[in-house]
Amino acid sequence: MGSLTVVAVENVPPRLRGRLALWLVEVRAGVYVGTYSVRVREMIWDQVLAGMEDGNAVMIWQARNDAGYDFVTAGTNRRIPKEMDGVTFVSFLPEVEADDAQS
């Protein structure tokens, strides 16, 4: 029996979006949902990593832990996963102003 899996992508090539749409239902732009086994979920994540180029992605799935889910991320994003005492939180990096990024 598979578990609910959600993949959200930003700034990825259209070919990756099309590939994700083969296995998952795109419920919103860049948000894909499906129910798959661990093996298929890992295959989908491998496809995301291989095709995301400069974009970013997160995959969330049901897990038997206190939170009831687990997730992985890839690419550059302000939200960074941090694990504390076995629980994964998300920290935010400060926004970079356009003038600061150029200097």
PDB file of N, CA and C in Angstrom:
ATOM      1  N   MET A   1       0.851  -1.187   0.000  1.00  0.00           N
ATOM      2  CA  MET A   1       0.000   0.000   0.000  1.00  0.00           C
ATOM      3  C   MET A   1       0.883   1.233   0.000  1.00  0.00           C
ATOM      4  N   GLY A   2       0.594   2.161  -0.856  1.00  0.00           N
ATOM      5  CA  GLY A   2       1.358   3.390  -0.941  1.00  0.00           C
ATOM      6  C   GLY A   2       0.882   4.407   0.072  1.00  0.00           C
ATOM      7  N   SER A   3       1.608   5.502   0.107  1.00  0.00           N
ATOM      8  CA  SER A   3       1.220   6.587   0.992  1.00  0.00           C
ATOM      9  C   SER A   3       1.109   7.874   0.187  1.00  0.00           C
ATOM     10  N   LEU A   4       0.348   8.811   0.728  1.00  0.00           N
ATOM     11  CA  LEU A   4       0.150  10.090   0.057  1.00  0.00           C
ATOM     12  C   LEU A   4       1.483  10.784  -0.122  1.00  0.00           C
ATOM     13  N   THR A   5       1.724  11.267  -1.311  1.00  0.00           N
ATOM     14  CA  THR A   5       2.957  11.958  -1.640  1.00  0.00           C
ATOM     15  C   THR A   5       2.609  13.273  -2.326  1.00  0.00           C
ATOM     16  N   VAL A   6       3.289  14.340  -1.899  1.00  0.00           N
ATOM     17  CA  VAL A   6       3.082  15.658  -2.500  1.00  0.00           C
ATOM     18  C   VAL A   6       4.440  16.172  -2.966  1.00  0.00           C
ATOM     19  N   VAL A   7       4.491  16.678  -4.177  1.00  0.00           N
ATOM     20  CA  VAL A   7       5.700  17.302  -4.714  1.00  0.00           C
ATOM     21  C   VAL A   7       5.338  18.728  -5.123  1.00  0.00           C
ATOM     22  N   ALA A   8       6.127  19.694  -4.658  1.00  0.00           N
ATOM     23  CA  ALA A   8       5.950  21.090  -5.074  1.00  0.00           C
ATOM     24  C   ALA A   8       7.249  21.555  -5.706  1.00  0.00           C
ATOM     25  N   VAL A   9       7.145  22.160  -6.881  1.00  0.00           N
ATOM     26  CA  VAL A   9       8.334  22.625  -7.588  1.00  0.00           C
ATOM     27  C   VAL A   9       8.156  24.093  -7.971  1.00  0.00           C
ATOM     28  N   GLU A  10       9.284  24.813  -8.050  1.00  0.00           N
ATOM     29  CA  GLU A  10       9.300  26.200  -8.506  1.00  0.00           C
ATOM     30  C   GLU A  10      10.454  26.372  -9.486  1.00  0.00           C
ATOM     31  N   ASN A  11      10.203  27.142 -10.521  1.00  0.00           N
ATOM     32  CA  ASN A  11      11.241  27.499 -11.492  1.00  0.00           C
ATOM     33  C   ASN A  11      11.948  26.289 -12.095  1.00  0.00           C
ATOM     34  N   VAL A  12      11.199  25.247 -12.378  1.00  0.00           N
ATOM     35  CA  VAL A  12      11.784  24.056 -13.007  1.00  0.00           C
ATOM     36  C   VAL A  12      11.390  24.049 -14.481  1.00  0.00           C
ATOM     37  N   PRO A  13      12.141  23.363 -15.319  1.00  0.00           N
ATOM     38  CA  PRO A  13      11.825  23.309 -16.743  1.00  0.00           C
ATOM     39  C   PRO A  13      10.468  22.637 -17.002  1.00  0.00           C
ATOM     40  N   PRO A  14       9.781  23.066 -18.057  1.00  0.00           N
ATOM     41  CA  PRO A  14       8.483  22.464 -18.396  1.00  0.00           C
ATOM     42  C   PRO A  14       8.555  20.947 -18.596  1.00  0.00           C
ATOM     43  N   ARG A  15       9.683  20.449 -19.066  1.00  0.00           N
ATOM     44  CA  ARG A  15       9.775  18.994 -19.277  1.00  0.00           C
ATOM     45  C   ARG A  15       9.695  18.226 -17.962  1.00  0.00           C
ATOM     46  N   LEU A  16      10.211  18.816 -16.858  1.00  0.00           N
ATOM     47  CA  LEU A  16      10.070  18.147 -15.564  1.00  0.00           C
ATOM     48  C   LEU A  16       8.624  18.207 -15.104  1.00  0.00           C
ATOM     49  N   ARG A  17       7.965  19.338 -15.304  1.00  0.00           N
ATOM     50  CA  ARG A  17       6.548  19.436 -14.943  1.00  0.00           C
ATOM     51  C   ARG A  17       5.736  18.393 -15.705  1.00  0.00           C
ATOM     52  N   GLY A  18       6.043  18.228 -16.985  1.00  0.00           N
ATOM     53  CA  GLY A  18       5.342  17.229 -17.780  1.00  0.00           C
ATOM     54  C   GLY A  18       5.613  15.819 -17.290  1.00  0.00           C
ATOM     55  N   ARG A  19       6.850  15.563 -16.916  1.00  0.00           N
ATOM     56  CA  ARG A  19       7.199  14.239 -16.411  1.00  0.00           C
ATOM     57  C   ARG A  19       6.474  13.947 -15.096  1.00  0.00           C
ATOM     58  N   LEU A  20       6.428  14.951 -14.205  1.00  0.00           N
ATOM     59  CA  LEU A  20       5.712  14.767 -12.940  1.00  0.00           C
ATOM     60  C   LEU A  20       4.230  14.506 -13.174  1.00  0.00           C
ATOM     61  N   ALA A  21       3.669  15.171 -14.195  1.00  0.00           N
ATOM     62  CA  ALA A  21       2.250  14.998 -14.487  1.00  0.00           C
ATOM     63  C   ALA A  21       1.928  13.596 -15.008  1.00  0.00           C
ATOM     64  N   LEU A  22       2.949  12.850 -15.436  1.00  0.00           N
ATOM     65  CA  LEU A  22       2.713  11.462 -15.845  1.00  0.00           C
ATOM     66  C   LEU A  22       2.365  10.584 -14.653  1.00  0.00           C
ATOM     67  N   TRP A  23       2.969  10.882 -13.491  1.00  0.00           N
ATOM     68  CA  TRP A  23       2.792  10.015 -12.315  1.00  0.00           C
ATOM     69  C   TRP A  23       1.846  10.594 -11.266  1.00  0.00           C
ATOM     70  N   LEU A  24       1.757  11.936 -11.237  1.00  0.00           N
ATOM     71  CA  LEU A  24       1.018  12.592 -10.166  1.00  0.00           C
ATOM     72  C   LEU A  24      -0.038  13.521 -10.776  1.00  0.00           C
ATOM     73  N   VAL A  25      -1.004  13.914  -9.982  1.00  0.00           N
ATOM     74  CA  VAL A  25      -2.024  14.861 -10.418  1.00  0.00           C
ATOM     75  C   VAL A  25      -1.571  16.254 -10.026  1.00  0.00           C
ATOM     76  N   GLU A  26      -1.553  17.183 -10.987  1.00  0.00           N
ATOM     77  CA  GLU A  26      -1.154  18.558 -10.703  1.00  0.00           C
ATOM     78  C   GLU A  26      -2.386  19.301 -10.212  1.00  0.00           C
ATOM     79  N   VAL A  27      -2.489  19.501  -8.892  1.00  0.00           N
ATOM     80  CA  VAL A  27      -3.676  20.121  -8.302  1.00  0.00           C
ATOM     81  C   VAL A  27      -3.603  21.643  -8.332  1.00  0.00           C
ATOM     82  N   ARG A  28      -2.435  22.195  -8.403  1.00  0.00           N
ATOM     83  CA  ARG A  28      -2.178  23.621  -8.590  1.00  0.00           C
ATOM     84  C   ARG A  28      -0.891  23.718  -9.394  1.00  0.00           C
ATOM     85  N   ALA A  29      -0.605  24.888  -9.910  1.00  0.00           N
ATOM     86  CA  ALA A  29       0.620  25.049 -10.674  1.00  0.00           C
ATOM     87  C   ALA A  29       1.820  24.664  -9.831  1.00  0.00           C
ATOM     88  N   GLY A  30       2.531  23.630 -10.233  1.00  0.00           N
ATOM     89  CA  GLY A  30       3.735  23.204  -9.535  1.00  0.00           C
ATOM     90  C   GLY A  30       3.498  22.328  -8.317  1.00  0.00           C
ATOM     91  N   VAL A  31       2.246  21.958  -8.026  1.00  0.00           N
ATOM     92  CA  VAL A  31       1.934  21.113  -6.861  1.00  0.00           C
ATOM     93  C   VAL A  31       1.310  19.813  -7.373  1.00  0.00           C
ATOM     94  N   TYR A  32       1.970  18.701  -7.074  1.00  0.00           N
ATOM     95  CA  TYR A  32       1.574  17.393  -7.594  1.00  0.00           C
ATOM     96  C   TYR A  32       1.276  16.456  -6.429  1.00  0.00           C
ATOM     97  N   VAL A  33       0.228  15.631  -6.589  1.00  0.00           N
ATOM     98  CA  VAL A  33      -0.211  14.739  -5.524  1.00  0.00           C
ATOM     99  C   VAL A  33      -0.428  13.349  -6.099  1.00  0.00           C
ATOM    100  N   GLY A  34      -0.074  12.336  -5.309  1.00  0.00           N
ATOM    101  CA  GLY A  34      -0.321  10.960  -5.693  1.00  0.00           C
ATOM    102  C   GLY A  34      -0.104  10.031  -4.510  1.00  0.00           C
ATOM    103  N   THR A  35      -0.413   8.762  -4.715  1.00  0.00           N
ATOM    104  CA  THR A  35      -0.220   7.742  -3.685  1.00  0.00           C
ATOM    105  C   THR A  35       0.657   6.657  -4.273  1.00  0.00           C
ATOM    106  N   TYR A  36       1.866   6.554  -3.717  1.00  0.00           N
ATOM    107  CA  TYR A  36       2.816   5.599  -4.263  1.00  0.00           C
ATOM    108  C   TYR A  36       3.620   4.910  -3.177  1.00  0.00           C
ATOM    109  N   SER A  37       4.231   3.805  -3.562  1.00  0.00           N
ATOM    110  CA  SER A  37       5.116   3.067  -2.672  1.00  0.00           C
ATOM    111  C   SER A  37       6.421   3.835  -2.486  1.00  0.00           C
ATOM    112  N   VAL A  38       7.203   3.402  -1.525  1.00  0.00           N
ATOM    113  CA  VAL A  38       8.505   4.034  -1.275  1.00  0.00           C
ATOM    114  C   VAL A  38       9.374   3.954  -2.528  1.00  0.00           C
ATOM    115  N   ARG A  39       9.370   2.839  -3.185  1.00  0.00           N
ATOM    116  CA  ARG A  39      10.211   2.654  -4.373  1.00  0.00           C
ATOM    117  C   ARG A  39       9.865   3.671  -5.470  1.00  0.00           C
ATOM    118  N   VAL A  40       8.574   3.817  -5.747  1.00  0.00           N
ATOM    119  CA  VAL A  40       8.154   4.754  -6.798  1.00  0.00           C
ATOM    120  C   VAL A  40       8.413   6.192  -6.343  1.00  0.00           C
ATOM    121  N   ARG A  41       8.145   6.483  -5.067  1.00  0.00           N
ATOM    122  CA  ARG A  41       8.397   7.833  -4.546  1.00  0.00           C
ATOM    123  C   ARG A  41       9.875   8.198  -4.714  1.00  0.00           C
ATOM    124  N   GLU A  42      10.763   7.285  -4.409  1.00  0.00           N
ATOM    125  CA  GLU A  42      12.195   7.553  -4.566  1.00  0.00           C
ATOM    126  C   GLU A  42      12.567   7.733  -6.038  1.00  0.00           C
ATOM    127  N   MET A  43      11.931   6.982  -6.915  1.00  0.00           N
ATOM    128  CA  MET A  43      12.185   7.136  -8.348  1.00  0.00           C
ATOM    129  C   MET A  43      11.735   8.523  -8.813  1.00  0.00           C
ATOM    130  N   ILE A  44      10.563   8.960  -8.346  1.00  0.00           N
ATOM    131  CA  ILE A  44      10.063  10.289  -8.715  1.00  0.00           C
ATOM    132  C   ILE A  44      11.017  11.358  -8.208  1.00  0.00           C
ATOM    133  N   TRP A  45      11.510  11.224  -6.972  1.00  0.00           N
ATOM    134  CA  TRP A  45      12.435  12.226  -6.427  1.00  0.00           C
ATOM    135  C   TRP A  45      13.737  12.246  -7.229  1.00  0.00           C
ATOM    136  N   ASP A  46      14.210  11.088  -7.641  1.00  0.00           N
ATOM    137  CA  ASP A  46      15.409  11.036  -8.497  1.00  0.00           C
ATOM    138  C   ASP A  46      15.174  11.795  -9.797  1.00  0.00           C
ATOM    139  N   GLN A  47      13.976  11.670 -10.358  1.00  0.00           N
ATOM    140  CA  GLN A  47      13.645  12.393 -11.589  1.00  0.00           C
ATOM    141  C   GLN A  47      13.619  13.903 -11.336  1.00  0.00           C
ATOM    142  N   VAL A  48      13.095  14.304 -10.164  1.00  0.00           N
ATOM    143  CA  VAL A  48      13.071  15.728  -9.812  1.00  0.00           C
ATOM    144  C   VAL A  48      14.501  16.260  -9.717  1.00  0.00           C
ATOM    145  N   LEU A  49      15.361  15.544  -9.017  1.00  0.00           N
ATOM    146  CA  LEU A  49      16.744  15.988  -8.845  1.00  0.00           C
ATOM    147  C   LEU A  49      17.471  16.067 -10.183  1.00  0.00           C
ATOM    148  N   ALA A  50      17.208  15.125 -11.058  1.00  0.00           N
ATOM    149  CA  ALA A  50      17.889  15.100 -12.359  1.00  0.00           C
ATOM    150  C   ALA A  50      17.406  16.202 -13.290  1.00  0.00           C
ATOM    151  N   GLY A  51      16.150  16.654 -13.125  1.00  0.00           N
ATOM    152  CA  GLY A  51      15.600  17.580 -14.096  1.00  0.00           C
ATOM    153  C   GLY A  51      15.301  18.973 -13.611  1.00  0.00           C
ATOM    154  N   MET A  52      15.586  19.294 -12.347  1.00  0.00           N
ATOM    155  CA  MET A  52      15.144  20.586 -11.813  1.00  0.00           C
ATOM    156  C   MET A  52      16.032  21.765 -12.196  1.00  0.00           C
ATOM    157  N   GLU A  53      17.243  21.526 -12.683  1.00  0.00           N
ATOM    158  CA  GLU A  53      18.189  22.585 -13.066  1.00  0.00           C
ATOM    159  C   GLU A  53      18.309  23.620 -11.953  1.00  0.00           C
ATOM    160  N   ASP A  54      17.967  24.909 -12.207  1.00  0.00           N
ATOM    161  CA  ASP A  54      18.131  25.954 -11.195  1.00  0.00           C
ATOM    162  C   ASP A  54      16.902  26.139 -10.311  1.00  0.00           C
ATOM    163  N   GLY A  55      15.899  25.300 -10.458  1.00  0.00           N
ATOM    164  CA  GLY A  55      14.680  25.429  -9.668  1.00  0.00           C
ATOM    165  C   GLY A  55      14.854  24.861  -8.275  1.00  0.00           C
ATOM    166  N   ASN A  56      13.734  24.743  -7.586  1.00  0.00           N
ATOM    167  CA  ASN A  56      13.766  24.114  -6.262  1.00  0.00           C
ATOM    168  C   ASN A  56      12.534  23.245  -6.106  1.00  0.00           C
ATOM    169  N   ALA A  57      12.624  22.301  -5.162  1.00  0.00           N
ATOM    170  CA  ALA A  57      11.540  21.339  -5.005  1.00  0.00           C
ATOM    171  C   ALA A  57      11.467  20.846  -3.572  1.00  0.00           C
ATOM    172  N   VAL A  58      10.301  20.393  -3.200  1.00  0.00           N
ATOM    173  CA  VAL A  58      10.098  19.723  -1.924  1.00  0.00           C
ATOM    174  C   VAL A  58       9.170  18.535  -2.172  1.00  0.00           C
ATOM    175  N   MET A  59       9.463  17.424  -1.511  1.00  0.00           N
ATOM    176  CA  MET A  59       8.591  16.253  -1.558  1.00  0.00           C
ATOM    177  C   MET A  59       8.196  15.912  -0.129  1.00  0.00           C
ATOM    178  N   ILE A  60       6.885  15.738   0.089  1.00  0.00           N
ATOM    179  CA  ILE A  60       6.353  15.409   1.408  1.00  0.00           C
ATOM    180  C   ILE A  60       5.597  14.094   1.293  1.00  0.00           C
ATOM    181  N   TRP A  61       5.700  13.241   2.302  1.00  0.00           N
ATOM    182  CA  TRP A  61       4.969  11.982   2.294  1.00  0.00           C
ATOM    183  C   TRP A  61       4.586  11.600   3.721  1.00  0.00           C
ATOM    184  N   GLN A  62       3.591  10.731   3.815  1.00  0.00           N
ATOM    185  CA  GLN A  62       3.160  10.240   5.115  1.00  0.00           C
ATOM    186  C   GLN A  62       4.278   9.412   5.718  1.00  0.00           C
ATOM    187  N   ALA A  63       4.472   9.551   7.025  1.00  0.00           N
ATOM    188  CA  ALA A  63       5.510   8.785   7.701  1.00  0.00           C
ATOM    189  C   ALA A  63       5.037   8.442   9.111  1.00  0.00           C
ATOM    190  N   ARG A  64       5.581   7.371   9.629  1.00  0.00           N
ATOM    191  CA  ARG A  64       5.233   6.966  10.990  1.00  0.00           C
ATOM    192  C   ARG A  64       6.185   7.623  11.976  1.00  0.00           C
ATOM    193  N   ASN A  65       5.963   8.901  12.200  1.00  0.00           N
ATOM    194  CA  ASN A  65       6.726   9.641  13.198  1.00  0.00           C
ATOM    195  C   ASN A  65       5.750  10.572  13.921  1.00  0.00           C
ATOM    196  N   ASP A  66       6.249  11.364  14.851  1.00  0.00           N
ATOM    197  CA  ASP A  66       5.364  12.222  15.630  1.00  0.00           C
ATOM    198  C   ASP A  66       4.608  13.218  14.756  1.00  0.00           C
ATOM    199  N   ALA A  67       5.250  13.716  13.723  1.00  0.00           N
ATOM    200  CA  ALA A  67       4.600  14.693  12.851  1.00  0.00           C
ATOM    201  C   ALA A  67       3.603  14.039  11.892  1.00  0.00           C
ATOM    202  N   GLY A  68       3.813  12.773  11.575  1.00  0.00           N
ATOM    203  CA  GLY A  68       2.947  12.087  10.625  1.00  0.00           C
ATOM    204  C   GLY A  68       3.378  12.264   9.183  1.00  0.00           C
ATOM    205  N   TYR A  69       4.469  12.976   8.977  1.00  0.00           N
ATOM    206  CA  TYR A  69       4.985  13.178   7.630  1.00  0.00           C
ATOM    207  C   TYR A  69       6.496  13.395   7.692  1.00  0.00           C
ATOM    208  N   ASP A  70       7.106  13.284   6.543  1.00  0.00           N
ATOM    209  CA  ASP A  70       8.521  13.598   6.408  1.00  0.00           C
ATOM    210  C   ASP A  70       8.690  14.291   5.062  1.00  0.00           C
ATOM    211  N   PHE A  71       9.819  14.939   4.861  1.00  0.00           N
ATOM    212  CA  PHE A  71      10.009  15.635   3.602  1.00  0.00           C
ATOM    213  C   PHE A  71      11.481  15.785   3.277  1.00  0.00           C
ATOM    214  N   VAL A  72      11.755  16.033   2.010  1.00  0.00           N
ATOM    215  CA  VAL A  72      13.095  16.360   1.527  1.00  0.00           C
ATOM    216  C   VAL A  72      12.965  17.604   0.659  1.00  0.00           C
ATOM    217  N   THR A  73      14.055  18.349   0.582  1.00  0.00           N
ATOM    218  CA  THR A  73      14.068  19.537  -0.263  1.00  0.00           C
ATOM    219  C   THR A  73      15.304  19.505  -1.155  1.00  0.00           C
ATOM    220  N   ALA A  74      15.248  20.279  -2.213  1.00  0.00           N
ATOM    221  CA  ALA A  74      16.399  20.425  -3.103  1.00  0.00           C
ATOM    222  C   ALA A  74      16.336  21.789  -3.755  1.00  0.00           C
ATOM    223  N   GLY A  75      17.494  22.337  -4.059  1.00  0.00           N
ATOM    224  CA  GLY A  75      17.559  23.638  -4.702  1.00  0.00           C
ATOM    225  C   GLY A  75      17.599  24.760  -3.679  1.00  0.00           C
ATOM    226  N   THR A  76      17.750  25.973  -4.173  1.00  0.00           N
ATOM    227  CA  THR A  76      17.858  27.140  -3.314  1.00  0.00           C
ATOM    228  C   THR A  76      16.475  27.679  -2.977  1.00  0.00           C
ATOM    229  N   ASN A  77      16.243  27.866  -1.671  1.00  0.00           N
ATOM    230  CA  ASN A  77      14.982  28.398  -1.196  1.00  0.00           C
ATOM    231  C   ASN A  77      15.231  29.048   0.146  1.00  0.00           C
ATOM    232  N   ARG A  78      14.385  30.014   0.542  1.00  0.00           N
ATOM    233  CA  ARG A  78      14.547  30.663   1.846  1.00  0.00           C
ATOM    234  C   ARG A  78      14.233  29.723   2.991  1.00  0.00           C
ATOM    235  N   ARG A  79      13.470  28.697   2.745  1.00  0.00           N
ATOM    236  CA  ARG A  79      13.067  27.762   3.800  1.00  0.00           C
ATOM    237  C   ARG A  79      14.079  26.624   3.860  1.00  0.00           C
ATOM    238  N   ILE A  80      14.706  26.481   5.026  1.00  0.00           N
ATOM    239  CA  ILE A  80      15.741  25.477   5.202  1.00  0.00           C
ATOM    240  C   ILE A  80      15.310  24.510   6.299  1.00  0.00           C
ATOM    241  N   PRO A  81      15.261  23.191   6.007  1.00  0.00           N
ATOM    242  CA  PRO A  81      14.901  22.231   7.046  1.00  0.00           C
ATOM    243  C   PRO A  81      15.990  22.136   8.107  1.00  0.00           C
ATOM    244  N   LYS A  82      15.586  22.097   9.375  1.00  0.00           N
ATOM    245  CA  LYS A  82      16.503  21.952  10.509  1.00  0.00           C
ATOM    246  C   LYS A  82      15.941  20.877  11.429  1.00  0.00           C
ATOM    247  N   GLU A  83      16.773  19.919  11.805  1.00  0.00           N
ATOM    248  CA  GLU A  83      16.320  18.851  12.689  1.00  0.00           C
ATOM    249  C   GLU A  83      16.770  19.139  14.106  1.00  0.00           C
ATOM    250  N   MET A  84      15.835  19.045  15.045  1.00  0.00           N
ATOM    251  CA  MET A  84      16.132  19.222  16.464  1.00  0.00           C
ATOM    252  C   MET A  84      15.449  18.117  17.239  1.00  0.00           C
ATOM    253  N   ASP A  85      16.217  17.311  17.947  1.00  0.00           N
ATOM    254  CA  ASP A  85      15.688  16.218  18.766  1.00  0.00           C
ATOM    255  C   ASP A  85      14.771  15.294  17.972  1.00  0.00           C
ATOM    256  N   GLY A  86      15.143  15.012  16.740  1.00  0.00           N
ATOM    257  CA  GLY A  86      14.380  14.076  15.933  1.00  0.00           C
ATOM    258  C   GLY A  86      13.174  14.677  15.235  1.00  0.00           C
ATOM    259  N   VAL A  87      12.928  15.965  15.434  1.00  0.00           N
ATOM    260  CA  VAL A  87      11.804  16.635  14.785  1.00  0.00           C
ATOM    261  C   VAL A  87      12.373  17.639  13.788  1.00  0.00           C
ATOM    262  N   THR A  88      11.826  17.648  12.589  1.00  0.00           N
ATOM    263  CA  THR A  88      12.312  18.561  11.565  1.00  0.00           C
ATOM    264  C   THR A  88      11.449  19.818  11.535  1.00  0.00           C
ATOM    265  N   PHE A  89      12.106  20.939  11.687  1.00  0.00           N
ATOM    266  CA  PHE A  89      11.458  22.242  11.587  1.00  0.00           C
ATOM    267  C   PHE A  89      11.938  22.911  10.306  1.00  0.00           C
ATOM    268  N   VAL A  90      11.334  24.044  10.005  1.00  0.00           N
ATOM    269  CA  VAL A  90      11.750  24.815   8.838  1.00  0.00           C
ATOM    270  C   VAL A  90      12.144  26.207   9.310  1.00  0.00           C
ATOM    271  N   SER A  91      13.362  26.613   9.017  1.00  0.00           N
ATOM    272  CA  SER A  91      13.800  27.968   9.345  1.00  0.00           C
ATOM    273  C   SER A  91      13.797  28.797   8.068  1.00  0.00           C
ATOM    274  N   PHE A  92      13.719  30.094   8.262  1.00  0.00           N
ATOM    275  CA  PHE A  92      13.665  31.005   7.122  1.00  0.00           C
ATOM    276  C   PHE A  92      14.935  31.823   7.067  1.00  0.00           C
ATOM    277  N   LEU A  93      15.528  31.910   5.916  1.00  0.00           N
ATOM    278  CA  LEU A  93      16.656  32.810   5.709  1.00  0.00           C
ATOM    279  C   LEU A  93      16.097  34.214   5.493  1.00  0.00           C
ATOM    280  N   PRO A  94      16.837  35.239   5.904  1.00  0.00           N
ATOM    281  CA  PRO A  94      16.347  36.601   5.669  1.00  0.00           C
ATOM    282  C   PRO A  94      16.246  36.891   4.180  1.00  0.00           C
ATOM    283  N   GLU A  95      15.283  37.761   3.846  1.00  0.00           N
ATOM    284  CA  GLU A  95      15.144  38.160   2.444  1.00  0.00           C
ATOM    285  C   GLU A  95      16.361  38.955   2.022  1.00  0.00           C
ATOM    286  N   VAL A  96      16.791  38.715   0.806  1.00  0.00           N
ATOM    287  CA  VAL A  96      17.918  39.450   0.250  1.00  0.00           C
ATOM    288  C   VAL A  96      17.362  40.534  -0.652  1.00  0.00           C
ATOM    289  N   GLU A  97      17.685  41.783  -0.337  1.00  0.00           N
ATOM    290  CA  GLU A  97      17.248  42.895  -1.181  1.00  0.00           C
ATOM    291  C   GLU A  97      17.971  42.827  -2.517  1.00  0.00           C
ATOM    292  N   ALA A  98      17.336  43.287  -3.565  1.00  0.00           N
ATOM    293  CA  ALA A  98      17.931  43.230  -4.900  1.00  0.00           C
ATOM    294  C   ALA A  98      19.254  43.982  -4.943  1.00  0.00           C
ATOM    295  N   ASP A  99      19.349  45.149  -4.230  1.00  0.00           N
ATOM    296  CA  ASP A  99      20.597  45.906  -4.212  1.00  0.00           C
ATOM    297  C   ASP A  99      21.699  45.152  -3.476  1.00  0.00           C
ATOM    298  N   ASP A 100      21.326  44.423  -2.371  1.00  0.00           N
ATOM    299  CA  ASP A 100      22.309  43.655  -1.615  1.00  0.00           C
ATOM    300  C   ASP A 100      22.834  42.475  -2.416  1.00  0.00           C
ATOM    301  N   ALA A 101      21.951  41.856  -3.210  1.00  0.00           N
ATOM    302  CA  ALA A 101      22.345  40.679  -3.980  1.00  0.00           C
ATOM    303  C   ALA A 101      23.343  41.028  -5.065  1.00  0.00           C
ATOM    304  N   GLN A 102      23.278  42.281  -5.583  1.00  0.00           N
ATOM    305  CA  GLN A 102      24.168  42.664  -6.669  1.00  0.00           C
ATOM    306  C   GLN A 102      25.534  43.090  -6.155  1.00  0.00           C
ATOM    307  N   SER A 103      25.622  43.517  -4.890  1.00  0.00           N
ATOM    308  CA  SER A 103      26.925  43.974  -4.382  1.00  0.00           C
ATOM    309  C   SER A 103      27.746  42.847  -3.818  1.00  0.00           C
TER     310      SER A 103
END
